[in-house]
C-alpha atoms as a PDB file:
ATOM      1  CA  MET A   1     -36.451  75.763 153.647  1.00  0.00           C
ATOM      2  CA  SER A   2     -33.451  78.569 152.956  1.00  0.00           C
ATOM      3  CA  LEU A   3     -32.144  76.822 149.891  1.00  0.00           C
ATOM      4  CA  VAL A   4     -35.937  76.568 148.134  1.00  0.00           C
ATOM      5  CA  LEU A   5     -36.803  80.310 148.303  1.00  0.00           C
ATOM      6  CA  PRO A   6     -32.646  81.915 146.992  1.00  0.00           C
ATOM      7  CA  SER A   7     -33.135  79.247 144.641  1.00  0.00           C
ATOM      8  CA  LEU A   8     -36.622  80.220 143.020  1.00  0.00           C
ATOM      9  CA  LEU A   9     -35.554  83.554 143.468  1.00  0.00           C
ATOM     10  CA  CYS A  10     -32.514  82.778 140.672  1.00  0.00           C
ATOM     11  CA  LEU A  11     -34.737  80.798 138.085  1.00  0.00           C
ATOM     12  CA  GLY A  12     -37.453  83.437 137.935  1.00  0.00           C
ATOM     13  CA  LEU A  13     -35.014  86.538 137.736  1.00  0.00           C
ATOM     14  CA  CYS A  14     -32.920  84.085 135.149  1.00  0.00           C
ATOM     15  CA  LEU A  15     -36.349  83.064 132.948  1.00  0.00           C
ATOM     16  CA  GLY A  16     -37.532  86.499 133.182  1.00  0.00           C
ATOM     17  CA  GLN A  17     -33.855  87.818 131.910  1.00  0.00           C
ATOM     18  CA  SER A  18     -34.350  85.246 129.324  1.00  0.00           C
ATOM     19  CA  THR A  19     -37.267  85.934 128.139  1.00  0.00           C
ATOM     20  CA  GLN A  20     -36.546  90.104 127.751  1.00  0.00           C
ATOM     21  CA  ALA A  21     -32.830  89.445 125.648  1.00  0.00           C
ATOM     22  CA  GLN A  22     -35.431  86.421 124.087  1.00  0.00           C
ATOM     23  CA  LYS A  23     -37.876  89.499 122.923  1.00  0.00           C
ATOM     24  CA  GLY A  24     -35.691  92.492 122.779  1.00  0.00           C
ATOM     25  CA  ASN A  25     -33.346  90.865 120.358  1.00  0.00           C
ATOM     26  CA  LEU A  26     -36.390  91.511 117.049  1.00  0.00           C
ATOM     27  CA  SER A  27     -37.713  95.433 116.794  1.00  0.00           C
ATOM     28  CA  PRO A  28     -41.841  95.626 117.222  1.00  0.00           C
ATOM     29  CA  PRO A  29     -43.746  95.381 114.584  1.00  0.00           C
ATOM     30  CA  ARG A  30     -46.621  98.513 113.925  1.00  0.00           C
ATOM     31  CA  ILE A  31     -49.985  97.592 114.583  1.00  0.00           C
ATOM     32  CA  THR A  32     -53.359  99.089 113.170  1.00  0.00           C
ATOM     33  CA  ALA A  33     -57.086  99.528 112.232  1.00  0.00           C
ATOM     34  CA  LEU A  34     -59.106  99.515 109.254  1.00  0.00           C
ATOM     35  CA  PRO A  35     -60.908 101.364 108.181  1.00  0.00           C
ATOM     36  CA  GLY A  36     -59.907 103.307 111.733  1.00  0.00           C
ATOM     37  CA  SER A  37     -59.685 103.225 115.158  1.00  0.00           C
ATOM     38  CA  THR A  38     -63.000 104.549 115.964  1.00  0.00           C
ATOM     39  CA  VAL A  39     -65.680 101.819 114.665  1.00  0.00           C
ATOM     40  CA  GLY A  40     -69.613 102.088 114.949  1.00  0.00           C
ATOM     41  CA  PRO A  41     -71.303  99.673 117.114  1.00  0.00           C
ATOM     42  CA  LYS A  42     -72.056  95.922 114.442  1.00  0.00           C
ATOM     43  CA  SER A  43     -69.737  97.658 112.092  1.00  0.00           C
ATOM     44  CA  PRO A  44     -66.509  95.804 110.874  1.00  0.00           C
ATOM     45  CA  VAL A  45     -63.351  96.750 111.157  1.00  0.00           C
ATOM     46  CA  THR A  46     -59.601  94.519 110.160  1.00  0.00           C
ATOM     47  CA  ILE A  47     -56.231  94.686 112.838  1.00  0.00           C
ATOM     48  CA  LEU A  48     -53.369  94.949 110.971  1.00  0.00           C
ATOM     49  CA  CYS A  49     -50.220  93.883 112.128  1.00  0.00           C
ATOM     50  CA  GLN A  50     -46.666  94.797 110.106  1.00  0.00           C
ATOM     51  CA  GLY A  51     -43.866  93.440 110.519  1.00  0.00           C
ATOM     52  CA  PRO A  52     -40.452  92.776 108.071  1.00  0.00           C
ATOM     53  CA  ALA A  53     -40.581  90.562 105.461  1.00  0.00           C
ATOM     54  CA  ASP A  54     -38.800  87.964 107.214  1.00  0.00           C
ATOM     55  CA  ALA A  55     -41.486  87.941 109.767  1.00  0.00           C
ATOM     56  CA  GLU A  56     -42.538  83.979 109.762  1.00  0.00           C
ATOM     57  CA  GLU A  57     -45.742  83.805 112.344  1.00  0.00           C
ATOM     58  CA  TYR A  58     -48.023  86.800 113.862  1.00  0.00           C
ATOM     59  CA  VAL A  59     -49.656  86.796 117.143  1.00  0.00           C
ATOM     60  CA  ILE A  60     -52.440  89.974 117.460  1.00  0.00           C
ATOM     61  CA  SER A  61     -53.908  89.868 120.929  1.00  0.00           C
ATOM     62  CA  LYS A  62     -55.997  92.002 123.425  1.00  0.00           C
ATOM     63  CA  VAL A  63     -54.272  93.607 126.322  1.00  0.00           C
ATOM     64  CA  GLY A  64     -55.336  92.495 129.892  1.00  0.00           C
ATOM     65  CA  SER A  65     -56.465  88.932 128.714  1.00  0.00           C
ATOM     66  CA  PRO A  66     -53.886  86.030 130.082  1.00  0.00           C
ATOM     67  CA  GLU A  67     -50.961  85.381 127.727  1.00  0.00           C
ATOM     68  CA  PRO A  68     -51.296  82.709 125.643  1.00  0.00           C
ATOM     69  CA  SER A  69     -49.172  79.612 126.371  1.00  0.00           C
ATOM     70  CA  ASP A  70     -46.667  78.761 124.121  1.00  0.00           C
ATOM     71  CA  ARG A  71     -49.686  75.560 122.623  1.00  0.00           C
ATOM     72  CA  GLU A  72     -51.987  78.062 122.004  1.00  0.00           C
ATOM     73  CA  LYS A  73     -49.617  80.521 120.080  1.00  0.00           C
ATOM     74  CA  GLN A  74     -49.242  78.107 118.008  1.00  0.00           C
ATOM     75  CA  LEU A  75     -53.146  77.553 117.082  1.00  0.00           C
ATOM     76  CA  LEU A  76     -53.296  81.505 117.194  1.00  0.00           C
ATOM     77  CA  SER A  77     -50.696  82.406 114.987  1.00  0.00           C
ATOM     78  CA  LYS A  78     -50.584  82.848 111.523  1.00  0.00           C
ATOM     79  CA  THR A  79     -48.593  83.984 108.800  1.00  0.00           C
ATOM     80  CA  ILE A  80     -51.073  86.090 107.840  1.00  0.00           C
ATOM     81  CA  ASN A  81     -50.852  89.768 109.798  1.00  0.00           C
ATOM     82  CA  SER A  82     -54.315  90.651 109.864  1.00  0.00           C
ATOM     83  CA  PHE A  83     -57.585  90.065 112.430  1.00  0.00           C
ATOM     84  CA  ARG A  84     -61.140  90.855 111.043  1.00  0.00           C
ATOM     85  CA  ILE A  85     -64.108  91.754 113.564  1.00  0.00           C
ATOM     86  CA  ALA A  86     -67.289  91.167 111.464  1.00  0.00           C
ATOM     87  CA  GLU A  87     -68.952  93.556 114.047  1.00  0.00           C
ATOM     88  CA  MET A  88     -68.010  95.609 116.564  1.00  0.00           C
ATOM     89  CA  THR A  89     -69.459  94.861 119.890  1.00  0.00           C
ATOM     90  CA  PRO A  90     -68.635  97.026 123.504  1.00  0.00           C
ATOM     91  CA  ASP A  91     -66.413  93.650 124.468  1.00  0.00           C
ATOM     92  CA  ARG A  92     -64.259  93.570 121.461  1.00  0.00           C
ATOM     93  CA  ALA A  93     -63.517  96.781 122.339  1.00  0.00           C
ATOM     94  CA  GLY A  94     -60.103  97.825 124.299  1.00  0.00           C
ATOM     95  CA  LEU A  95     -56.490  97.573 123.772  1.00  0.00           C
ATOM     96  CA  TYR A  96     -54.959  95.377 120.962  1.00  0.00           C
ATOM     97  CA  HIS A  97     -50.752  94.896 120.730  1.00  0.00           C
ATOM     98  CA  CYS A  98     -49.028  92.047 118.342  1.00  0.00           C
ATOM     99  CA  SER A  99     -45.880  90.543 117.998  1.00  0.00           C
ATOM    100  CA  TYR A 100     -43.989  88.139 115.460  1.00  0.00           C
ATOM    101  CA  GLN A 101     -41.447  84.922 114.757  1.00  0.00           C
ATOM    102  CA  SER A 102     -38.418  84.770 113.240  1.00  0.00           C
ATOM    103  CA  GLY A 103     -35.458  82.570 113.674  1.00  0.00           C
ATOM    104  CA  GLY A 104     -37.467  81.112 115.874  1.00  0.00           C
ATOM    105  CA  SER A 105     -37.131  84.361 118.296  1.00  0.00           C
ATOM    106  CA  TRP A 106     -40.711  86.817 119.265  1.00  0.00           C
ATOM    107  CA  SER A 107     -40.402  90.078 118.531  1.00  0.00           C
ATOM    108  CA  GLN A 108     -41.501  92.651 120.495  1.00  0.00           C
ATOM    109  CA  PHE A 109     -44.511  94.264 121.760  1.00  0.00           C
ATOM    110  CA  SER A 110     -46.294  96.480 119.097  1.00  0.00           C
ATOM    111  CA  ASP A 111     -47.805  99.871 120.494  1.00  0.00           C
ATOM    112  CA  PRO A 112     -50.855  99.279 122.067  1.00  0.00           C
ATOM    113  CA  LEU A 113     -53.691 100.550 119.442  1.00  0.00           C
ATOM    114  CA  GLN A 114     -56.893 102.188 121.352  1.00  0.00           C
ATOM    115  CA  LEU A 115     -60.204 100.272 119.164  1.00  0.00           C
ATOM    116  CA  VAL A 116     -63.324 102.547 120.078  1.00  0.00           C
ATOM    117  CA  MET A 117     -66.416 101.573 119.795  1.00  0.00           C
ATOM    118  CA  THR A 118     -69.061 105.031 119.144  1.00  0.00           C
ATOM    119  CA  GLY A 119     -72.435 105.081 119.319  1.00  0.00           C
ATOM    120  CA  ALA A 120     -72.935 103.467 122.040  1.00  0.00           C
ATOM    121  CA  TYR A 121     -75.247 106.043 123.935  1.00  0.00           C
ATOM    122  CA  ASP A 122     -76.512 110.003 123.019  1.00  0.00           C
ATOM    123  CA  LYS A 123     -74.402 112.450 121.204  1.00  0.00           C
ATOM    124  CA  PRO A 124     -73.194 115.732 123.775  1.00  0.00           C
ATOM    125  CA  LEU A 125     -73.416 118.482 123.136  1.00  0.00           C
ATOM    126  CA  LEU A 126     -70.117 121.150 122.280  1.00  0.00           C
ATOM    127  CA  SER A 127     -70.024 125.043 122.140  1.00  0.00           C
ATOM    128  CA  SER A 128     -66.898 127.068 122.517  1.00  0.00           C
ATOM    129  CA  MET A 129     -67.023 129.738 124.933  1.00  0.00           C
ATOM    130  CA  THR A 130     -64.509 132.046 123.154  1.00  0.00           C
ATOM    131  CA  GLY A 131     -66.413 131.970 119.691  1.00  0.00           C
ATOM    132  CA  THR A 132     -65.657 130.056 116.676  1.00  0.00           C
ATOM    133  CA  VAL A 133     -62.824 132.248 115.143  1.00  0.00           C
ATOM    134  CA  VAL A 134     -59.548 133.113 117.906  1.00  0.00           C
ATOM    135  CA  ALA A 135     -57.002 135.286 116.853  1.00  0.00           C
ATOM    136  CA  SER A 136     -53.676 133.315 116.854  1.00  0.00           C
ATOM    137  CA  GLY A 137     -52.271 133.410 119.953  1.00  0.00           C
ATOM    138  CA  GLU A 138     -54.546 133.066 122.372  1.00  0.00           C
ATOM    139  CA  ASN A 139     -56.585 130.882 124.128  1.00  0.00           C
ATOM    140  CA  ALA A 140     -59.893 129.046 123.258  1.00  0.00           C
ATOM    141  CA  LYS A 141     -61.914 127.690 125.848  1.00  0.00           C
ATOM    142  CA  LEU A 142     -64.317 124.719 124.495  1.00  0.00           C
ATOM    143  CA  GLN A 143     -67.735 123.880 126.620  1.00  0.00           C
ATOM    144  CA  CYS A 144     -69.182 119.537 126.291  1.00  0.00           C
ATOM    145  CA  PHE A 145     -71.888 118.441 128.340  1.00  0.00           C
ATOM    146  CA  SER A 146     -74.690 116.554 128.390  1.00  0.00           C
ATOM    147  CA  THR A 147     -78.074 115.163 130.869  1.00  0.00           C
ATOM    148  CA  LEU A 148     -76.829 112.185 130.527  1.00  0.00           C
ATOM    149  CA  LYS A 149     -74.202 111.383 133.625  1.00  0.00           C
ATOM    150  CA  PHE A 150     -71.363 110.897 132.131  1.00  0.00           C
ATOM    151  CA  GLU A 151     -68.114 110.551 134.632  1.00  0.00           C
ATOM    152  CA  ALA A 152     -65.698 111.704 131.738  1.00  0.00           C
ATOM    153  CA  PHE A 153     -65.562 113.511 128.213  1.00  0.00           C
ATOM    154  CA  ILE A 154     -63.130 113.010 124.923  1.00  0.00           C
ATOM    155  CA  LEU A 155     -62.569 116.259 122.659  1.00  0.00           C
ATOM    156  CA  SER A 156     -61.546 114.466 119.395  1.00  0.00           C
ATOM    157  CA  LYS A 157     -60.069 116.736 115.990  1.00  0.00           C
ATOM    158  CA  GLU A 158     -60.990 115.342 112.931  1.00  0.00           C
ATOM    159  CA  HIS A 159     -57.798 114.502 110.761  1.00  0.00           C
ATOM    160  CA  GLY A 160     -55.796 115.155 113.893  1.00  0.00           C
ATOM    161  CA  ASP A 161     -55.575 113.499 116.977  1.00  0.00           C
ATOM    162  CA  ARG A 162     -58.183 111.534 117.912  1.00  0.00           C
ATOM    163  CA  ILE A 163     -58.041 112.247 121.725  1.00  0.00           C
ATOM    164  CA  ILE A 164     -57.175 115.966 122.611  1.00  0.00           C
ATOM    165  CA  GLN A 165     -57.833 115.815 125.567  1.00  0.00           C
ATOM    166  CA  SER A 166     -60.492 113.994 128.171  1.00  0.00           C
ATOM    167  CA  GLN A 167     -62.140 115.399 131.725  1.00  0.00           C
ATOM    168  CA  LEU A 168     -63.676 114.456 133.811  1.00  0.00           C
ATOM    169  CA  VAL A 169     -67.013 115.610 134.336  1.00  0.00           C
ATOM    170  CA  SER A 170     -68.598 118.679 136.444  1.00  0.00           C
ATOM    171  CA  HIS A 171     -71.977 118.888 137.749  1.00  0.00           C
ATOM    172  CA  GLN A 172     -73.641 122.146 137.110  1.00  0.00           C
ATOM    173  CA  GLY A 173     -77.837 121.996 138.041  1.00  0.00           C
ATOM    174  CA  GLY A 174     -78.956 118.714 136.226  1.00  0.00           C
ATOM    175  CA  ASN A 175     -76.073 119.481 133.049  1.00  0.00           C
ATOM    176  CA  HIS A 176     -72.339 116.983 132.901  1.00  0.00           C
ATOM    177  CA  GLU A 177     -70.246 119.014 131.105  1.00  0.00           C
ATOM    178  CA  ALA A 178     -66.467 119.361 130.813  1.00  0.00           C
ATOM    179  CA  VAL A 179     -63.904 122.653 129.875  1.00  0.00           C
ATOM    180  CA  PHE A 180     -61.312 122.027 127.455  1.00  0.00           C
ATOM    181  CA  LEU A 181     -58.527 124.750 127.675  1.00  0.00           C
ATOM    182  CA  LEU A 182     -56.775 124.507 124.052  1.00  0.00           C
ATOM    183  CA  ASN A 183     -53.619 127.491 125.584  1.00  0.00           C
ATOM    184  CA  GLN A 184     -51.646 130.078 122.651  1.00  0.00           C
ATOM    185  CA  VAL A 185     -53.787 128.650 119.545  1.00  0.00           C
ATOM    186  CA  SER A 186     -52.245 128.579 116.550  1.00  0.00           C
ATOM    187  CA  SER A 187     -53.110 128.074 112.789  1.00  0.00           C
ATOM    188  CA  THR A 188     -52.767 124.252 112.702  1.00  0.00           C
ATOM    189  CA  GLN A 189     -55.481 124.202 115.412  1.00  0.00           C
ATOM    190  CA  THR A 190     -57.721 125.478 112.752  1.00  0.00           C
ATOM    191  CA  GLY A 191     -60.425 122.537 111.823  1.00  0.00           C
ATOM    192  CA  THR A 192     -63.728 120.726 113.473  1.00  0.00           C
ATOM    193  CA  TYR A 193     -63.743 119.613 116.486  1.00  0.00           C
ATOM    194  CA  ARG A 194     -66.207 116.656 118.177  1.00  0.00           C
ATOM    195  CA  CYS A 195     -66.707 115.571 122.055  1.00  0.00           C
ATOM    196  CA  TYR A 196     -68.282 111.879 123.003  1.00  0.00           C
ATOM    197  CA  GLY A 197     -69.374 110.908 126.943  1.00  0.00           C
ATOM    198  CA  LEU A 198     -68.384 107.636 128.589  1.00  0.00           C
ATOM    199  CA  PHE A 199     -68.196 105.645 131.889  1.00  0.00           C
ATOM    200  CA  GLU A 200     -65.052 105.146 133.518  1.00  0.00           C
ATOM    201  CA  HIS A 201     -65.861 101.441 133.966  1.00  0.00           C
ATOM    202  CA  TYR A 202     -66.009 101.042 130.706  1.00  0.00           C
ATOM    203  CA  PRO A 203     -63.798 103.653 128.981  1.00  0.00           C
ATOM    204  CA  TYR A 204     -63.161 102.177 124.939  1.00  0.00           C
ATOM    205  CA  VAL A 205     -66.672 102.248 124.834  1.00  0.00           C
ATOM    206  CA  TRP A 206     -68.048 105.990 123.875  1.00  0.00           C
ATOM    207  CA  SER A 207     -71.559 107.807 122.994  1.00  0.00           C
ATOM    208  CA  ARG A 208     -72.498 109.457 119.376  1.00  0.00           C
ATOM    209  CA  PRO A 209     -70.176 111.974 118.108  1.00  0.00           C
ATOM    210  CA  SER A 210     -71.764 115.508 118.848  1.00  0.00           C
ATOM    211  CA  ASP A 211     -72.133 118.117 115.939  1.00  0.00           C
ATOM    212  CA  PRO A 212     -69.126 119.132 114.567  1.00  0.00           C
ATOM    213  CA  LEU A 213     -67.898 122.397 116.074  1.00  0.00           C
ATOM    214  CA  HIS A 214     -65.200 124.877 113.436  1.00  0.00           C
ATOM    215  CA  LEU A 215     -62.790 126.125 114.606  1.00  0.00           C
ATOM    216  CA  GLN A 216     -61.112 129.422 112.979  1.00  0.00           C
ATOM    217  CA  VAL A 217     -57.441 130.258 114.284  1.00  0.00           C
ATOM    218  CA  ARG A 218     -56.770 133.716 112.398  1.00  0.00           C
ATOM    219  CA  GLU A 219     -53.263 135.585 112.467  1.00  0.00           C
ATOM    220  CA  ALA A 220     -52.534 138.446 114.822  1.00  0.00           C
ATOM    221  CA  PRO A 221     -52.428 141.154 112.630  1.00  0.00           C
ATOM    222  CA  ASP A 222     -49.292 143.449 110.909  1.00  0.00           C
ATOM    223  CA  TYR A 223     -48.309 145.958 113.266  1.00  0.00           C
ATOM    224  CA  PRO A 224     -47.161 148.890 111.398  1.00  0.00           C
ATOM    225  CA  ASP A 225     -42.977 149.780 112.095  1.00  0.00           C
ATOM    226  CA  PRO A 226     -42.799 152.580 113.992  1.00  0.00           C
ATOM    227  CA  MET A 227     -38.728 152.489 112.660  1.00  0.00           C
ATOM    228  CA  ASN A 228     -40.218 151.889 108.592  1.00  0.00           C
ATOM    229  CA  PRO A 229     -42.261 154.887 107.633  1.00  0.00           C
ATOM    230  CA  GLN A 230     -43.063 152.404 104.668  1.00  0.00           C
ATOM    231  CA  HIS A 231     -45.394 150.308 107.357  1.00  0.00           C
ATOM    232  CA  SER A 232     -47.533 152.782 107.894  1.00  0.00           C
ATOM    233  CA  THR A 233     -51.120 152.339 107.572  1.00  0.00           C
ATOM    234  CA  GLU A 234     -50.927 156.073 106.846  1.00  0.00           C
ATOM    235  CA  ALA A 235     -49.324 158.750 104.901  1.00  0.00           C
ATOM    236  CA  PRO A 236     -47.609 161.128 106.189  1.00  0.00           C
ATOM    237  CA  ASP A 237     -48.552 164.419 105.853  1.00  0.00           C
ATOM    238  CA  TYR A 238     -46.396 166.465 103.420  1.00  0.00           C
ATOM    239  CA  PRO A 239     -47.343 169.667 102.749  1.00  0.00           C
ATOM    240  CA  ASP A 240     -47.983 169.992  99.281  1.00  0.00           C
ATOM    241  CA  PRO A 241     -46.369 173.773  97.347  1.00  0.00           C
ATOM    242  CA  MET A 242     -49.303 173.215  94.523  1.00  0.00           C
ATOM    243  CA  ASN A 243     -51.865 173.139  97.522  1.00  0.00           C
ATOM    244  CA  PRO A 244     -52.428 175.722 100.271  1.00  0.00           C
ATOM    245  CA  ARG A 245     -54.323 173.652 102.305  1.00  0.00           C
ATOM    246  CA  HIS A 246     -51.026 171.303 103.413  1.00  0.00           C
ATOM    247  CA  SER A 247     -49.692 174.031 104.772  1.00  0.00           C
ATOM    248  CA  THR A 248     -47.709 173.551 107.305  1.00  0.00           C
ATOM    249  CA  GLU A 249     -48.610 176.737 109.084  1.00  0.00           C
ATOM    250  CA  ALA A 250     -51.886 178.050 110.847  1.00  0.00           C
ATOM    251  CA  PRO A 251     -54.695 176.381 109.882  1.00  0.00           C
ATOM    252  CA  ASP A 252     -57.606 178.175 107.783  1.00  0.00           C
ATOM    253  CA  HIS A 253     -60.596 179.499 109.646  1.00  0.00           C
ATOM    254  CA  ARG A 254     -62.695 180.510 108.264  1.00  0.00           C
ATOM    255  CA  ASP A 255     -65.845 182.869 108.585  1.00  0.00           C
ATOM    256  CA  PRO A 256     -68.894 181.095 106.284  1.00  0.00           C
ATOM    257  CA  MET A 257     -71.030 183.975 106.154  1.00  0.00           C
ATOM    258  CA  ASN A 258     -67.631 186.202 104.833  1.00  0.00           C
ATOM    259  CA  PRO A 259     -68.388 186.474 101.520  1.00  0.00           C
ATOM    260  CA  GLN A 260     -64.216 186.928 100.709  1.00  0.00           C
ATOM    261  CA  HIS A 261     -63.756 183.906 101.643  1.00  0.00           C
ATOM    262  CA  LEU A 262     -66.236 182.042  99.123  1.00  0.00           C
ATOM    263  CA  THR A 263     -63.100 182.477  96.417  1.00  0.00           C
ATOM    264  CA  GLU A 264     -61.771 179.339  94.732  1.00  0.00           C
ATOM    265  CA  PHE A 265     -59.111 179.136  96.126  1.00  0.00           C
ATOM    266  CA  PRO A 266     -58.105 180.126  99.591  1.00  0.00           C
ATOM    267  CA  VAL A 267     -56.042 182.954 100.566  1.00  0.00           C
ATOM    268  CA  ARG A 268     -53.012 181.420 101.923  1.00  0.00           C
ATOM    269  CA  ILE A 269     -52.725 182.913 105.925  1.00  0.00           C
ATOM    270  CA  THR A 270     -49.069 183.827 106.747  1.00  0.00           C
ATOM    271  CA  THR A 271     -48.212 184.806 110.861  1.00  0.00           C
ATOM    272  CA  THR A 272     -45.616 187.361 112.618  1.00  0.00           C
ATOM    273  CA  VAL A 273     -42.559 186.674 114.640  1.00  0.00           C
ATOM    274  CA  SER A 274     -42.621 189.294 117.403  1.00  0.00           C
ATOM    275  CA  MET A 275     -39.383 191.078 118.652  1.00  0.00           C
ATOM    276  CA  THR A 276     -40.006 188.822 121.626  1.00  0.00           C
ATOM    277  CA  GLY A 277     -39.710 185.510 119.696  1.00  0.00           C
ATOM    278  CA  GLY A 278     -43.820 184.897 120.592  1.00  0.00           C
ATOM    279  CA  THR A 279     -45.849 184.222 117.322  1.00  0.00           C
ATOM    280  CA  LYS A 280     -48.713 187.122 116.018  1.00  0.00           C
ATOM    281  CA  GLU A 281     -51.752 186.517 115.432  1.00  0.00           C
ATOM    282  CA  PRO A 282     -52.695 185.927 112.194  1.00  0.00           C
ATOM    283  CA  ALA A 283     -52.548 189.276 109.929  1.00  0.00           C
ATOM    284  CA  ALA A 284     -56.395 188.070 108.628  1.00  0.00           C
ATOM    285  CA  TRP A 285     -57.996 187.911 111.814  1.00  0.00           C
ATOM    286  CA  HIS A 286     -56.509 191.552 114.230  1.00  0.00           C
ATOM    287  CA  LEU A 287     -54.751 194.383 113.229  1.00  0.00           C
ATOM    288  CA  SER A 288     -50.569 194.805 114.571  1.00  0.00           C
ATOM    289  CA  ALA A 289     -49.908 197.398 116.174  1.00  0.00           C
ATOM    290  CA  GLU A 290     -46.905 198.937 113.476  1.00  0.00           C
ATOM    291  CA  ASN A 291     -50.480 198.875 111.287  1.00  0.00           C
ATOM    292  CA  GLN A 292     -52.221 200.926 113.752  1.00  0.00           C
ATOM    293  CA  VAL A 293     -49.579 203.071 113.933  1.00  0.00           C
ATOM    294  CA  ARG A 294     -49.842 203.791 110.296  1.00  0.00           C
ATOM    295  CA  LEU A 295     -53.326 204.261 110.202  1.00  0.00           C
ATOM    296  CA  SER A 296     -52.726 206.655 112.811  1.00  0.00           C
ATOM    297  CA  MET A 297     -51.248 208.563 110.925  1.00  0.00           C
ATOM    298  CA  ALA A 298     -52.936 208.606 107.669  1.00  0.00           C
ATOM    299  CA  GLY A 299     -55.971 209.585 109.442  1.00  0.00           C
ATOM    300  CA  LEU A 300     -54.286 212.438 111.395  1.00  0.00           C
ATOM    301  CA  ILE A 301     -52.495 213.750 108.173  1.00  0.00           C
ATOM    302  CA  LEU A 302     -56.024 213.457 105.910  1.00  0.00           C
ATOM    303  CA  LEU A 303     -57.749 215.206 109.170  1.00  0.00           C
ATOM    304  CA  VAL A 304     -54.582 218.618 108.562  1.00  0.00           C
ATOM    305  CA  LEU A 305     -55.022 218.424 104.947  1.00  0.00           C
ATOM    306  CA  GLY A 306     -58.697 219.078 105.590  1.00  0.00           C
ATOM    307  CA  MET A 307     -58.153 221.344 107.920  1.00  0.00           C
ATOM    308  CA  LEU A 308     -56.227 223.460 105.383  1.00  0.00           C
ATOM    309  CA  LEU A 309     -58.681 223.280 102.854  1.00  0.00           C
ATOM    310  CA  ALA A 310     -61.387 223.807 104.526  1.00  0.00           C
ATOM    311  CA  GLU A 311     -59.439 227.755 105.697  1.00  0.00           C
ATOM    312  CA  ALA A 312     -58.506 228.053 102.096  1.00  0.00           C
ATOM    313  CA  TRP A 313     -61.608 228.121 101.336  1.00  0.00           C
ATOM    314  CA  TYR A 314     -62.632 230.243 104.216  1.00  0.00           C
ATOM    315  CA  SER A 315     -60.306 232.945 103.112  1.00  0.00           C
ATOM    316  CA  ARG A 316     -61.696 232.875  99.643  1.00  0.00           C
ATOM    317  CA  LYS A 317     -64.811 234.307 100.839  1.00  0.00           C
ATOM    318  CA  MET A 318     -63.634 237.131 103.801  1.00  0.00           C
ATOM    319  CA  PRO A 319     -62.272 241.470 102.165  1.00  0.00           C
ATOM    320  CA  LEU A 320     -58.826 241.439 103.387  1.00  0.00           C
ATOM    321  CA  ASN A 321     -60.344 244.062 106.070  1.00  0.00           C
ATOM    322  CA  GLY A 322     -62.386 241.039 107.748  1.00  0.00           C
ATOM    323  CA  HIS A 323     -65.556 242.708 105.750  1.00  0.00           C
ATOM    324  CA  ARG A 324     -68.070 239.926 103.614  1.00  0.00           C
ATOM    325  CA  GLN A 325     -68.236 241.255  99.926  1.00  0.00           C
ATOM    326  CA  ALA A 326     -71.204 242.337  99.138  1.00  0.00           C
ATOM    327  CA  PRO A 327     -72.166 239.327  96.556  1.00  0.00           C
ATOM    328  CA  THR A 328     -72.306 240.193  92.751  1.00  0.00           C
END
């Protein structure tokens, strides 16, 4: 008995290695579905297995089904590489793969094809928690929910990957929902999205698709380059020699009640620098100390001249002895 067990183990290993070597010599074929792998109930679909030109026979089988024996292979093998399903039903949904024979050897199996039947249940609702317009680099959150007790949701994108994410359902009150997070979106994620509901025991039987949701990803704004003034959104305020308003000096705060300020071109206001290095107030507002001294001297001179004129006028009216002359 001790010799039987090693012999069986050796036989199993040898058969497994020979089968793997037999299937490893030929490259795997490619399997597709026409018109698509998402099919409505009672709709036709054709599974196509594409191998090399020297392929002699093809086998298309459903993953999970018992592997056909050599005799069954001969019955199932066809010289054509297609398998047509006239009406899609839940039992036809699932994973399919195929292989081909060439030169007496069978190829490796193709990648599995996921054949899904949709429309089995009422559609869920899809909405965006971050809005339908998202800036590039930000995150987008899409929420799919339904009143049916779905156990999972599928998010898909038209003209792209059919399944983007699958999420288990969280229960919020009477609704069953899932939140799909799209991290750091880019312009390639602009498009139309839908979601489906399903049950775990029937993963290839989905609900009707939700209403479409169009997500738009806009590019980030072109911020100005501080090292390049040409990229500034506002023109620099260079002084215009023909326009005094653009002077870099003190602003022209004018009194609207003063008619002198109602001229067509405003008077340019200048400032003076004191000996201590500070800047004085504009001359149009306050008199400087120098101007005040000049005005005081002018007033004093006028006062002296007035006194002299009054004295001369009075001396002409009086006689030399100090008595007033009689009127002539």
